[in-house]
Amino acid sequence: MSNFAKYRSCPMSAQKVRLIADNIRGLPVAQARKFLEFTPKKGAAVVAKVLNSAIANAEHNLGMDVDRLVVQAIEVGQATTLKRTQPRAKGRANPILKRRCHITVTVAPAVKKGKGQ
């Protein structure tokens, strides 16, 4: 049984957030929180908020033990891009793309593996 949290239209490019997401996928929650706390990237703070929300959802809605939770999946997808223009010399205009992303974090209890598995 798992639980998740979503952050839609995060004002950051998906590429920047994926750098952080790839590092915490599959880690225990306590270890993932430590990693995000000491990572100096801007995306780490955003992912930490979503992770904390997923943990709170699992604890409150399903009564899961926080110490046994693992980051089962974390998905970062591209959202709509805001298109703006920057005026330039001689009547020209340069495009500005303000990229956004959707972040989904899924947490689940750790599965203990036996001898035969």
PDB file of N, CA and C in Angstrom:
ATOM      1  N   MET A   1       0.842  -1.165   0.000  1.00  0.00           N
ATOM      2  CA  MET A   1       0.000   0.000   0.000  1.00  0.00           C
ATOM      3  C   MET A   1       0.899   1.243   0.000  1.00  0.00           C
ATOM      4  N   SER A   2       0.621   2.170  -0.882  1.00  0.00           N
ATOM      5  CA  SER A   2       1.466   3.355  -0.992  1.00  0.00           C
ATOM      6  C   SER A   2       0.602   4.615  -0.956  1.00  0.00           C
ATOM      7  N   ASN A   3       1.269   5.730  -0.786  1.00  0.00           N
ATOM      8  CA  ASN A   3       0.606   7.021  -0.779  1.00  0.00           C
ATOM      9  C   ASN A   3       1.493   8.010  -1.521  1.00  0.00           C
ATOM     10  N   PHE A   4       0.886   9.076  -2.039  1.00  0.00           N
ATOM     11  CA  PHE A   4       1.656  10.000  -2.865  1.00  0.00           C
ATOM     12  C   PHE A   4       1.276  11.443  -2.582  1.00  0.00           C
ATOM     13  N   ALA A   5       2.079  12.353  -3.140  1.00  0.00           N
ATOM     14  CA  ALA A   5       1.794  13.791  -3.107  1.00  0.00           C
ATOM     15  C   ALA A   5       2.233  14.373  -4.444  1.00  0.00           C
ATOM     16  N   LYS A   6       1.516  15.385  -4.906  1.00  0.00           N
ATOM     17  CA  LYS A   6       1.822  16.020  -6.189  1.00  0.00           C
ATOM     18  C   LYS A   6       2.041  17.515  -6.008  1.00  0.00           C
ATOM     19  N   TYR A   7       2.934  18.041  -6.812  1.00  0.00           N
ATOM     20  CA  TYR A   7       3.098  19.493  -6.913  1.00  0.00           C
ATOM     21  C   TYR A   7       2.992  19.795  -8.398  1.00  0.00           C
ATOM     22  N   ARG A   8       1.922  20.459  -8.774  1.00  0.00           N
ATOM     23  CA  ARG A   8       1.686  20.724 -10.186  1.00  0.00           C
ATOM     24  C   ARG A   8       2.084  22.164 -10.527  1.00  0.00           C
ATOM     25  N   SER A   9       2.646  22.324 -11.706  1.00  0.00           N
ATOM     26  CA  SER A   9       3.093  23.619 -12.224  1.00  0.00           C
ATOM     27  C   SER A   9       4.135  24.275 -11.326  1.00  0.00           C
ATOM     28  N   CYS A  10       5.130  23.513 -10.939  1.00  0.00           N
ATOM     29  CA  CYS A  10       6.254  24.046 -10.175  1.00  0.00           C
ATOM     30  C   CYS A  10       7.064  24.963 -11.093  1.00  0.00           C
ATOM     31  N   PRO A  11       7.371  26.186 -10.672  1.00  0.00           N
ATOM     32  CA  PRO A  11       8.056  27.125 -11.556  1.00  0.00           C
ATOM     33  C   PRO A  11       9.555  26.844 -11.695  1.00  0.00           C
ATOM     34  N   MET A  12       9.868  25.662 -12.208  1.00  0.00           N
ATOM     35  CA  MET A  12      11.260  25.257 -12.400  1.00  0.00           C
ATOM     36  C   MET A  12      11.278  24.229 -13.525  1.00  0.00           C
ATOM     37  N   SER A  13      12.350  24.175 -14.286  1.00  0.00           N
ATOM     38  CA  SER A  13      12.383  23.219 -15.388  1.00  0.00           C
ATOM     39  C   SER A  13      12.497  21.792 -14.861  1.00  0.00           C
ATOM     40  N   ALA A  14      11.926  20.880 -15.598  1.00  0.00           N
ATOM     41  CA  ALA A  14      11.921  19.469 -15.197  1.00  0.00           C
ATOM     42  C   ALA A  14      13.339  18.911 -15.150  1.00  0.00           C
ATOM     43  N   GLN A  15      14.202  19.386 -15.998  1.00  0.00           N
ATOM     44  CA  GLN A  15      15.582  18.899 -16.044  1.00  0.00           C
ATOM     45  C   GLN A  15      16.310  19.177 -14.723  1.00  0.00           C
ATOM     46  N   LYS A  16      16.098  20.338 -14.149  1.00  0.00           N
ATOM     47  CA  LYS A  16      16.756  20.692 -12.888  1.00  0.00           C
ATOM     48  C   LYS A  16      16.229  19.851 -11.727  1.00  0.00           C
ATOM     49  N   VAL A  17      14.939  19.575 -11.731  1.00  0.00           N
ATOM     50  CA  VAL A  17      14.353  18.794 -10.647  1.00  0.00           C
ATOM     51  C   VAL A  17      14.732  17.321 -10.777  1.00  0.00           C
ATOM     52  N   ARG A  18      14.860  16.820 -12.006  1.00  0.00           N
ATOM     53  CA  ARG A  18      15.239  15.419 -12.208  1.00  0.00           C
ATOM     54  C   ARG A  18      16.623  15.105 -11.665  1.00  0.00           C
ATOM     55  N   LEU A  19      17.519  16.085 -11.661  1.00  0.00           N
ATOM     56  CA  LEU A  19      18.848  15.865 -11.087  1.00  0.00           C
ATOM     57  C   LEU A  19      18.753  15.475  -9.622  1.00  0.00           C
ATOM     58  N   ILE A  20      17.822  16.066  -8.911  1.00  0.00           N
ATOM     59  CA  ILE A  20      17.612  15.762  -7.496  1.00  0.00           C
ATOM     60  C   ILE A  20      16.820  14.461  -7.345  1.00  0.00           C
ATOM     61  N   ALA A  21      15.776  14.318  -8.149  1.00  0.00           N
ATOM     62  CA  ALA A  21      14.877  13.165  -8.030  1.00  0.00           C
ATOM     63  C   ALA A  21      15.611  11.843  -8.252  1.00  0.00           C
ATOM     64  N   ASP A  22      16.541  11.808  -9.172  1.00  0.00           N
ATOM     65  CA  ASP A  22      17.272  10.575  -9.464  1.00  0.00           C
ATOM     66  C   ASP A  22      18.114  10.119  -8.277  1.00  0.00           C
ATOM     67  N   ASN A  23      18.510  11.047  -7.428  1.00  0.00           N
ATOM     68  CA  ASN A  23      19.362  10.701  -6.286  1.00  0.00           C
ATOM     69  C   ASN A  23      18.600  10.124  -5.101  1.00  0.00           C
ATOM     70  N   ILE A  24      17.324  10.438  -4.957  1.00  0.00           N
ATOM     71  CA  ILE A  24      16.596   9.959  -3.772  1.00  0.00           C
ATOM     72  C   ILE A  24      15.659   8.800  -4.070  1.00  0.00           C
ATOM     73  N   ARG A  25      15.515   8.425  -5.317  1.00  0.00           N
ATOM     74  CA  ARG A  25      14.616   7.328  -5.670  1.00  0.00           C
ATOM     75  C   ARG A  25      15.083   6.026  -5.028  1.00  0.00           C
ATOM     76  N   GLY A  26      14.190   5.383  -4.268  1.00  0.00           N
ATOM     77  CA  GLY A  26      14.509   4.106  -3.634  1.00  0.00           C
ATOM     78  C   GLY A  26      15.146   4.215  -2.256  1.00  0.00           C
ATOM     79  N   LEU A  27      15.427   5.416  -1.792  1.00  0.00           N
ATOM     80  CA  LEU A  27      16.052   5.592  -0.471  1.00  0.00           C
ATOM     81  C   LEU A  27      15.009   5.551   0.643  1.00  0.00           C
ATOM     82  N   PRO A  28      15.413   5.158   1.842  1.00  0.00           N
ATOM     83  CA  PRO A  28      14.521   5.321   2.991  1.00  0.00           C
ATOM     84  C   PRO A  28      14.240   6.807   3.217  1.00  0.00           C
ATOM     85  N   VAL A  29      13.094   7.099   3.788  1.00  0.00           N
ATOM     86  CA  VAL A  29      12.641   8.481   3.934  1.00  0.00           C
ATOM     87  C   VAL A  29      13.616   9.324   4.751  1.00  0.00           C
ATOM     88  N   ALA A  30      14.133   8.785   5.840  1.00  0.00           N
ATOM     89  CA  ALA A  30      15.057   9.558   6.681  1.00  0.00           C
ATOM     90  C   ALA A  30      16.319   9.923   5.912  1.00  0.00           C
ATOM     91  N   GLN A  31      16.823   8.984   5.145  1.00  0.00           N
ATOM     92  CA  GLN A  31      18.038   9.230   4.366  1.00  0.00           C
ATOM     93  C   GLN A  31      17.763  10.236   3.241  1.00  0.00           C
ATOM     94  N   ALA A  32      16.594  10.150   2.616  1.00  0.00           N
ATOM     95  CA  ALA A  32      16.229  11.088   1.551  1.00  0.00           C
ATOM     96  C   ALA A  32      16.095  12.507   2.100  1.00  0.00           C
ATOM     97  N   ARG A  33      15.501  12.631   3.293  1.00  0.00           N
ATOM     98  CA  ARG A  33      15.379  13.958   3.917  1.00  0.00           C
ATOM     99  C   ARG A  33      16.746  14.569   4.199  1.00  0.00           C
ATOM    100  N   LYS A  34      17.674  13.772   4.707  1.00  0.00           N
ATOM    101  CA  LYS A  34      19.037  14.267   4.980  1.00  0.00           C
ATOM    102  C   LYS A  34      19.711  14.726   3.692  1.00  0.00           C
ATOM    103  N   PHE A  35      19.567  13.918   2.641  1.00  0.00           N
ATOM    104  CA  PHE A  35      20.178  14.272   1.362  1.00  0.00           C
ATOM    105  C   PHE A  35      19.634  15.603   0.851  1.00  0.00           C
ATOM    106  N   LEU A  36      18.314  15.781   0.913  1.00  0.00           N
ATOM    107  CA  LEU A  36      17.704  17.015   0.420  1.00  0.00           C
ATOM    108  C   LEU A  36      18.068  18.220   1.274  1.00  0.00           C
ATOM    109  N   GLU A  37      18.239  17.992   2.568  1.00  0.00           N
ATOM    110  CA  GLU A  37      18.572  19.092   3.474  1.00  0.00           C
ATOM    111  C   GLU A  37      19.952  19.681   3.168  1.00  0.00           C
ATOM    112  N   PHE A  38      20.890  18.831   2.770  1.00  0.00           N
ATOM    113  CA  PHE A  38      22.261  19.296   2.555  1.00  0.00           C
ATOM    114  C   PHE A  38      22.651  19.432   1.089  1.00  0.00           C
ATOM    115  N   THR A  39      21.684  19.354   0.190  1.00  0.00           N
ATOM    116  CA  THR A  39      21.962  19.556  -1.227  1.00  0.00           C
ATOM    117  C   THR A  39      21.762  21.035  -1.556  1.00  0.00           C
ATOM    118  N   PRO A  40      22.772  21.689  -2.139  1.00  0.00           N
ATOM    119  CA  PRO A  40      22.682  23.138  -2.356  1.00  0.00           C
ATOM    120  C   PRO A  40      21.919  23.557  -3.619  1.00  0.00           C
ATOM    121  N   LYS A  41      21.191  22.661  -4.242  1.00  0.00           N
ATOM    122  CA  LYS A  41      20.451  23.019  -5.456  1.00  0.00           C
ATOM    123  C   LYS A  41      19.068  23.550  -5.102  1.00  0.00           C
ATOM    124  N   LYS A  42      18.549  24.433  -5.960  1.00  0.00           N
ATOM    125  CA  LYS A  42      17.253  25.059  -5.720  1.00  0.00           C
ATOM    126  C   LYS A  42      16.121  24.033  -5.754  1.00  0.00           C
ATOM    127  N   GLY A  43      16.249  23.025  -6.583  1.00  0.00           N
ATOM    128  CA  GLY A  43      15.213  22.003  -6.700  1.00  0.00           C
ATOM    129  C   GLY A  43      15.096  21.124  -5.470  1.00  0.00           C
ATOM    130  N   ALA A  44      16.127  21.060  -4.645  1.00  0.00           N
ATOM    131  CA  ALA A  44      16.102  20.205  -3.451  1.00  0.00           C
ATOM    132  C   ALA A  44      15.048  20.676  -2.457  1.00  0.00           C
ATOM    133  N   ALA A  45      14.884  21.968  -2.308  1.00  0.00           N
ATOM    134  CA  ALA A  45      13.893  22.497  -1.369  1.00  0.00           C
ATOM    135  C   ALA A  45      12.479  22.175  -1.840  1.00  0.00           C
ATOM    136  N   VAL A  46      12.244  22.238  -3.136  1.00  0.00           N
ATOM    137  CA  VAL A  46      10.926  21.943  -3.690  1.00  0.00           C
ATOM    138  C   VAL A  46      10.601  20.466  -3.523  1.00  0.00           C
ATOM    139  N   VAL A  47      11.556  19.596  -3.832  1.00  0.00           N
ATOM    140  CA  VAL A  47      11.342  18.152  -3.711  1.00  0.00           C
ATOM    141  C   VAL A  47      11.159  17.779  -2.237  1.00  0.00           C
ATOM    142  N   ALA A  48      11.865  18.450  -1.347  1.00  0.00           N
ATOM    143  CA  ALA A  48      11.725  18.172   0.087  1.00  0.00           C
ATOM    144  C   ALA A  48      10.311  18.476   0.563  1.00  0.00           C
ATOM    145  N   LYS A  49       9.717  19.560   0.085  1.00  0.00           N
ATOM    146  CA  LYS A  49       8.348  19.897   0.471  1.00  0.00           C
ATOM    147  C   LYS A  49       7.359  18.831  -0.002  1.00  0.00           C
ATOM    148  N   VAL A  50       7.545  18.360  -1.231  1.00  0.00           N
ATOM    149  CA  VAL A  50       6.641  17.341  -1.764  1.00  0.00           C
ATOM    150  C   VAL A  50       6.837  16.025  -1.017  1.00  0.00           C
ATOM    151  N   LEU A  51       8.078  15.680  -0.706  1.00  0.00           N
ATOM    152  CA  LEU A  51       8.363  14.456   0.047  1.00  0.00           C
ATOM    153  C   LEU A  51       7.733  14.520   1.438  1.00  0.00           C
ATOM    154  N   ASN A  52       7.877  15.641   2.126  1.00  0.00           N
ATOM    155  CA  ASN A  52       7.275  15.797   3.447  1.00  0.00           C
ATOM    156  C   ASN A  52       5.750  15.703   3.388  1.00  0.00           C
ATOM    157  N   SER A  53       5.162  16.214   2.316  1.00  0.00           N
ATOM    158  CA  SER A  53       3.717  16.128   2.142  1.00  0.00           C
ATOM    159  C   SER A  53       3.283  14.678   1.928  1.00  0.00           C
ATOM    160  N   ALA A  54       4.044  13.927   1.138  1.00  0.00           N
ATOM    161  CA  ALA A  54       3.718  12.515   0.902  1.00  0.00           C
ATOM    162  C   ALA A  54       3.833  11.703   2.192  1.00  0.00           C
ATOM    163  N   ILE A  55       4.837  12.017   2.994  1.00  0.00           N
ATOM    164  CA  ILE A  55       5.019  11.327   4.280  1.00  0.00           C
ATOM    165  C   ILE A  55       3.854  11.635   5.215  1.00  0.00           C
ATOM    166  N   ALA A  56       3.463  12.907   5.277  1.00  0.00           N
ATOM    167  CA  ALA A  56       2.342  13.304   6.132  1.00  0.00           C
ATOM    168  C   ALA A  56       1.045  12.650   5.669  1.00  0.00           C
ATOM    169  N   ASN A  57       0.844  12.546   4.352  1.00  0.00           N
ATOM    170  CA  ASN A  57      -0.348  11.878   3.822  1.00  0.00           C
ATOM    171  C   ASN A  57      -0.374  10.411   4.229  1.00  0.00           C
ATOM    172  N   ALA A  58       0.761   9.740   4.121  1.00  0.00           N
ATOM    173  CA  ALA A  58       0.838   8.319   4.460  1.00  0.00           C
ATOM    174  C   ALA A  58       0.571   8.102   5.950  1.00  0.00           C
ATOM    175  N   GLU A  59       1.101   8.988   6.763  1.00  0.00           N
ATOM    176  CA  GLU A  59       0.936   8.853   8.210  1.00  0.00           C
ATOM    177  C   GLU A  59      -0.513   9.158   8.632  1.00  0.00           C
ATOM    178  N   HIS A  60      -1.066  10.217   8.089  1.00  0.00           N
ATOM    179  CA  HIS A  60      -2.405  10.646   8.511  1.00  0.00           C
ATOM    180  C   HIS A  60      -3.514   9.810   7.874  1.00  0.00           C
ATOM    181  N   ASN A  61      -3.455   9.601   6.566  1.00  0.00           N
ATOM    182  CA  ASN A  61      -4.544   8.926   5.866  1.00  0.00           C
ATOM    183  C   ASN A  61      -4.543   7.414   6.055  1.00  0.00           C
ATOM    184  N   LEU A  62      -3.352   6.802   6.047  1.00  0.00           N
ATOM    185  CA  LEU A  62      -3.282   5.348   6.095  1.00  0.00           C
ATOM    186  C   LEU A  62      -2.676   4.809   7.383  1.00  0.00           C
ATOM    187  N   GLY A  63      -2.211   5.689   8.269  1.00  0.00           N
ATOM    188  CA  GLY A  63      -1.647   5.262   9.543  1.00  0.00           C
ATOM    189  C   GLY A  63      -0.343   4.487   9.417  1.00  0.00           C
ATOM    190  N   MET A  64       0.456   4.788   8.402  1.00  0.00           N
ATOM    191  CA  MET A  64       1.728   4.085   8.190  1.00  0.00           C
ATOM    192  C   MET A  64       2.785   4.565   9.174  1.00  0.00           C
ATOM    193  N   ASP A  65       3.746   3.680   9.455  1.00  0.00           N
ATOM    194  CA  ASP A  65       4.876   4.011  10.322  1.00  0.00           C
ATOM    195  C   ASP A  65       5.912   4.760   9.495  1.00  0.00           C
ATOM    196  N   VAL A  66       6.236   5.975   9.905  1.00  0.00           N
ATOM    197  CA  VAL A  66       7.145   6.835   9.131  1.00  0.00           C
ATOM    198  C   VAL A  66       8.545   6.229   9.037  1.00  0.00           C
ATOM    199  N   ASP A  67       8.976   5.525  10.061  1.00  0.00           N
ATOM    200  CA  ASP A  67      10.329   4.968  10.076  1.00  0.00           C
ATOM    201  C   ASP A  67      10.521   3.852   9.048  1.00  0.00           C
ATOM    202  N   ARG A  68       9.434   3.239   8.584  1.00  0.00           N
ATOM    203  CA  ARG A  68       9.537   2.136   7.628  1.00  0.00           C
ATOM    204  C   ARG A  68       9.317   2.574   6.189  1.00  0.00           C
ATOM    205  N   LEU A  69       9.023   3.847   5.948  1.00  0.00           N
ATOM    206  CA  LEU A  69       8.696   4.310   4.604  1.00  0.00           C
ATOM    207  C   LEU A  69       9.940   4.447   3.725  1.00  0.00           C
ATOM    208  N   VAL A  70       9.723   4.192   2.440  1.00  0.00           N
ATOM    209  CA  VAL A  70      10.772   4.299   1.423  1.00  0.00           C
ATOM    210  C   VAL A  70      10.206   5.118   0.264  1.00  0.00           C
ATOM    211  N   VAL A  71      11.057   5.891  -0.402  1.00  0.00           N
ATOM    212  CA  VAL A  71      10.637   6.629  -1.594  1.00  0.00           C
ATOM    213  C   VAL A  71      10.510   5.600  -2.718  1.00  0.00           C
ATOM    214  N   GLN A  72       9.290   5.156  -2.969  1.00  0.00           N
ATOM    215  CA  GLN A  72       9.064   4.107  -3.958  1.00  0.00           C
ATOM    216  C   GLN A  72       9.260   4.629  -5.381  1.00  0.00           C
ATOM    217  N   ALA A  73       8.686   5.785  -5.668  1.00  0.00           N
ATOM    218  CA  ALA A  73       8.804   6.366  -7.010  1.00  0.00           C
ATOM    219  C   ALA A  73       8.768   7.878  -6.892  1.00  0.00           C
ATOM    220  N   ILE A  74       9.474   8.521  -7.800  1.00  0.00           N
ATOM    221  CA  ILE A  74       9.397   9.981  -7.905  1.00  0.00           C
ATOM    222  C   ILE A  74       9.447  10.314  -9.388  1.00  0.00           C
ATOM    223  N   GLU A  75       8.410  10.991  -9.847  1.00  0.00           N
ATOM    224  CA  GLU A  75       8.283  11.310 -11.269  1.00  0.00           C
ATOM    225  C   GLU A  75       8.291  12.821 -11.450  1.00  0.00           C
ATOM    226  N   VAL A  76       9.008  13.259 -12.467  1.00  0.00           N
ATOM    227  CA  VAL A  76       9.058  14.681 -12.797  1.00  0.00           C
ATOM    228  C   VAL A  76       8.720  14.807 -14.274  1.00  0.00           C
ATOM    229  N   GLY A  77       7.602  15.459 -14.563  1.00  0.00           N
ATOM    230  CA  GLY A  77       7.170  15.634 -15.943  1.00  0.00           C
ATOM    231  C   GLY A  77       7.083  17.102 -16.303  1.00  0.00           C
ATOM    232  N   GLN A  78       7.175  17.358 -17.585  1.00  0.00           N
ATOM    233  CA  GLN A  78       7.124  18.736 -18.059  1.00  0.00           C
ATOM    234  C   GLN A  78       5.681  19.232 -18.058  1.00  0.00           C
ATOM    235  N   ALA A  79       5.482  20.446 -17.603  1.00  0.00           N
ATOM    236  CA  ALA A  79       4.161  21.080 -17.602  1.00  0.00           C
ATOM    237  C   ALA A  79       4.123  22.128 -18.716  1.00  0.00           C
ATOM    238  N   THR A  80       3.117  22.947 -18.706  1.00  0.00           N
ATOM    239  CA  THR A  80       3.004  23.975 -19.735  1.00  0.00           C
ATOM    240  C   THR A  80       4.130  24.995 -19.598  1.00  0.00           C
ATOM    241  N   THR A  81       4.559  25.509 -20.707  1.00  0.00           N
ATOM    242  CA  THR A  81       5.634  26.493 -20.739  1.00  0.00           C
ATOM    243  C   THR A  81       5.032  27.869 -20.995  1.00  0.00           C
ATOM    244  N   LEU A  82       5.379  28.833 -20.145  1.00  0.00           N
ATOM    245  CA  LEU A  82       4.929  30.206 -20.363  1.00  0.00           C
ATOM    246  C   LEU A  82       5.843  30.852 -21.394  1.00  0.00           C
ATOM    247  N   LYS A  83       5.258  31.406 -22.431  1.00  0.00           N
ATOM    248  CA  LYS A  83       6.046  31.997 -23.512  1.00  0.00           C
ATOM    249  C   LYS A  83       5.970  33.512 -23.426  1.00  0.00           C
ATOM    250  N   ARG A  84       7.130  34.130 -23.303  1.00  0.00           N
ATOM    251  CA  ARG A  84       7.232  35.582 -23.203  1.00  0.00           C
ATOM    252  C   ARG A  84       8.212  36.073 -24.269  1.00  0.00           C
ATOM    253  N   THR A  85       8.239  37.379 -24.493  1.00  0.00           N
ATOM    254  CA  THR A  85       9.197  37.943 -25.447  1.00  0.00           C
ATOM    255  C   THR A  85      10.006  39.042 -24.777  1.00  0.00           C
ATOM    256  N   GLN A  86      11.256  39.146 -25.211  1.00  0.00           N
ATOM    257  CA  GLN A  86      12.179  40.163 -24.711  1.00  0.00           C
ATOM    258  C   GLN A  86      12.479  41.122 -25.861  1.00  0.00           C
ATOM    259  N   PRO A  87      12.146  42.400 -25.710  1.00  0.00           N
ATOM    260  CA  PRO A  87      12.450  43.352 -26.792  1.00  0.00           C
ATOM    261  C   PRO A  87      13.962  43.481 -27.013  1.00  0.00           C
ATOM    262  N   ARG A  88      14.365  43.517 -28.269  1.00  0.00           N
ATOM    263  CA  ARG A  88      15.768  43.654 -28.632  1.00  0.00           C
ATOM    264  C   ARG A  88      15.939  44.834 -29.591  1.00  0.00           C
ATOM    265  N   ALA A  89      17.160  45.055 -30.010  1.00  0.00           N
ATOM    266  CA  ALA A  89      17.477  46.192 -30.879  1.00  0.00           C
ATOM    267  C   ALA A  89      16.849  46.028 -32.271  1.00  0.00           C
ATOM    268  N   LYS A  90      16.610  47.144 -32.924  1.00  0.00           N
ATOM    269  CA  LYS A  90      16.106  47.212 -34.293  1.00  0.00           C
ATOM    270  C   LYS A  90      14.730  46.551 -34.451  1.00  0.00           C
ATOM    271  N   GLY A  91      13.905  46.620 -33.414  1.00  0.00           N
ATOM    272  CA  GLY A  91      12.539  46.123 -33.509  1.00  0.00           C
ATOM    273  C   GLY A  91      12.397  44.611 -33.425  1.00  0.00           C
ATOM    274  N   ARG A  92      13.454  43.924 -33.079  1.00  0.00           N
ATOM    275  CA  ARG A  92      13.378  42.468 -32.977  1.00  0.00           C
ATOM    276  C   ARG A  92      12.881  42.054 -31.589  1.00  0.00           C
ATOM    277  N   ALA A  93      12.614  40.759 -31.460  1.00  0.00           N
ATOM    278  CA  ALA A  93      12.179  40.228 -30.166  1.00  0.00           C
ATOM    279  C   ALA A  93      12.762  38.822 -29.985  1.00  0.00           C
ATOM    280  N   ASN A  94      13.260  38.546 -28.798  1.00  0.00           N
ATOM    281  CA  ASN A  94      13.762  37.213 -28.472  1.00  0.00           C
ATOM    282  C   ASN A  94      12.728  36.486 -27.620  1.00  0.00           C
ATOM    283  N   PRO A  95      12.554  35.184 -27.860  1.00  0.00           N
ATOM    284  CA  PRO A  95      11.605  34.442 -27.029  1.00  0.00           C
ATOM    285  C   PRO A  95      12.205  34.094 -25.664  1.00  0.00           C
ATOM    286  N   ILE A  96      11.370  34.099 -24.627  1.00  0.00           N
ATOM    287  CA  ILE A  96      11.758  33.644 -23.300  1.00  0.00           C
ATOM    288  C   ILE A  96      10.800  32.521 -22.936  1.00  0.00           C
ATOM    289  N   LEU A  97      11.334  31.357 -22.630  1.00  0.00           N
ATOM    290  CA  LEU A  97      10.520  30.208 -22.257  1.00  0.00           C
ATOM    291  C   LEU A  97      10.646  29.980 -20.757  1.00  0.00           C
ATOM    292  N   LYS A  98       9.556  30.173 -20.034  1.00  0.00           N
ATOM    293  CA  LYS A  98       9.549  29.947 -18.588  1.00  0.00           C
ATOM    294  C   LYS A  98       8.960  28.557 -18.359  1.00  0.00           C
ATOM    295  N   ARG A  99       9.851  27.602 -18.174  1.00  0.00           N
ATOM    296  CA  ARG A  99       9.429  26.204 -18.082  1.00  0.00           C
ATOM    297  C   ARG A  99       8.897  25.866 -16.695  1.00  0.00           C
ATOM    298  N   ARG A 100       7.978  24.912 -16.667  1.00  0.00           N
ATOM    299  CA  ARG A 100       7.358  24.442 -15.424  1.00  0.00           C
ATOM    300  C   ARG A 100       7.346  22.921 -15.434  1.00  0.00           C
ATOM    301  N   CYS A 101       7.110  22.336 -14.255  1.00  0.00           N
ATOM    302  CA  CYS A 101       7.087  20.876 -14.181  1.00  0.00           C
ATOM    303  C   CYS A 101       6.074  20.399 -13.149  1.00  0.00           C
ATOM    304  N   HIS A 102       5.700  19.118 -13.275  1.00  0.00           N
ATOM    305  CA  HIS A 102       4.847  18.443 -12.308  1.00  0.00           C
ATOM    306  C   HIS A 102       5.718  17.439 -11.559  1.00  0.00           C
ATOM    307  N   ILE A 103       5.625  17.428 -10.218  1.00  0.00           N
ATOM    308  CA  ILE A 103       6.417  16.505  -9.401  1.00  0.00           C
ATOM    309  C   ILE A 103       5.444  15.590  -8.643  1.00  0.00           C
ATOM    310  N   THR A 104       5.664  14.279  -8.724  1.00  0.00           N
ATOM    311  CA  THR A 104       4.861  13.308  -7.987  1.00  0.00           C
ATOM    312  C   THR A 104       5.804  12.415  -7.194  1.00  0.00           C
ATOM    313  N   VAL A 105       5.608  12.353  -5.870  1.00  0.00           N
ATOM    314  CA  VAL A 105       6.427  11.513  -4.994  1.00  0.00           C
ATOM    315  C   VAL A 105       5.519  10.447  -4.382  1.00  0.00           C
ATOM    316  N   THR A 106       5.932   9.173  -4.516  1.00  0.00           N
ATOM    317  CA  THR A 106       5.184   8.054  -3.951  1.00  0.00           C
ATOM    318  C   THR A 106       6.027   7.387  -2.880  1.00  0.00           C
ATOM    319  N   VAL A 107       5.444   7.210  -1.690  1.00  0.00           N
ATOM    320  CA  VAL A 107       6.132   6.527  -0.591  1.00  0.00           C
ATOM    321  C   VAL A 107       5.348   5.268  -0.231  1.00  0.00           C
ATOM    322  N   ALA A 108       6.087   4.239   0.181  1.00  0.00           N
ATOM    323  CA  ALA A 108       5.473   2.969   0.565  1.00  0.00           C
ATOM    324  C   ALA A 108       6.321   2.334   1.649  1.00  0.00           C
ATOM    325  N   PRO A 109       5.747   1.414   2.439  1.00  0.00           N
ATOM    326  CA  PRO A 109       6.545   0.720   3.445  1.00  0.00           C
ATOM    327  C   PRO A 109       7.607  -0.150   2.790  1.00  0.00           C
ATOM    328  N   ALA A 110       8.749  -0.271   3.449  1.00  0.00           N
ATOM    329  CA  ALA A 110       9.843  -1.100   2.927  1.00  0.00           C
ATOM    330  C   ALA A 110       9.406  -2.560   2.945  1.00  0.00           C
ATOM    331  N   VAL A 111       9.789  -3.272   1.889  1.00  0.00           N
ATOM    332  CA  VAL A 111       9.470  -4.694   1.787  1.00  0.00           C
ATOM    333  C   VAL A 111      10.654  -5.479   2.293  1.00  0.00           C
ATOM    334  N   LYS A 112      10.436  -6.350   3.280  1.00  0.00           N
ATOM    335  CA  LYS A 112      11.512  -7.194   3.801  1.00  0.00           C
ATOM    336  C   LYS A 112      11.664  -8.400   2.891  1.00  0.00           C
ATOM    337  N   LYS A 113      12.895  -8.708   2.534  1.00  0.00           N
ATOM    338  CA  LYS A 113      13.162  -9.835   1.671  1.00  0.00           C
ATOM    339  C   LYS A 113      13.611 -11.035   2.516  1.00  0.00           C
ATOM    340  N   GLY A 114      13.033 -12.183   2.233  1.00  0.00           N
ATOM    341  CA  GLY A 114      13.369 -13.400   2.951  1.00  0.00           C
ATOM    342  C   GLY A 114      14.525 -14.133   2.279  1.00  0.00           C
ATOM    343  N   LYS A 115      14.789 -15.361   2.732  1.00  0.00           N
ATOM    344  CA  LYS A 115      15.889 -16.158   2.179  1.00  0.00           C
ATOM    345  C   LYS A 115      15.631 -16.561   0.738  1.00  0.00           C
ATOM    346  N   GLY A 116      14.398 -16.937   0.407  1.00  0.00           N
ATOM    347  CA  GLY A 116      14.094 -17.433  -0.927  1.00  0.00           C
ATOM    348  C   GLY A 116      13.904 -16.347  -1.963  1.00  0.00           C
ATOM    349  N   GLN A 117      13.904 -15.085  -1.576  1.00  0.00           N
ATOM    350  CA  GLN A 117      13.605 -14.023  -2.538  1.00  0.00           C
ATOM    351  C   GLN A 117      14.825 -13.292  -2.972  1.00  0.00           C
TER     352      GLN A 117
END
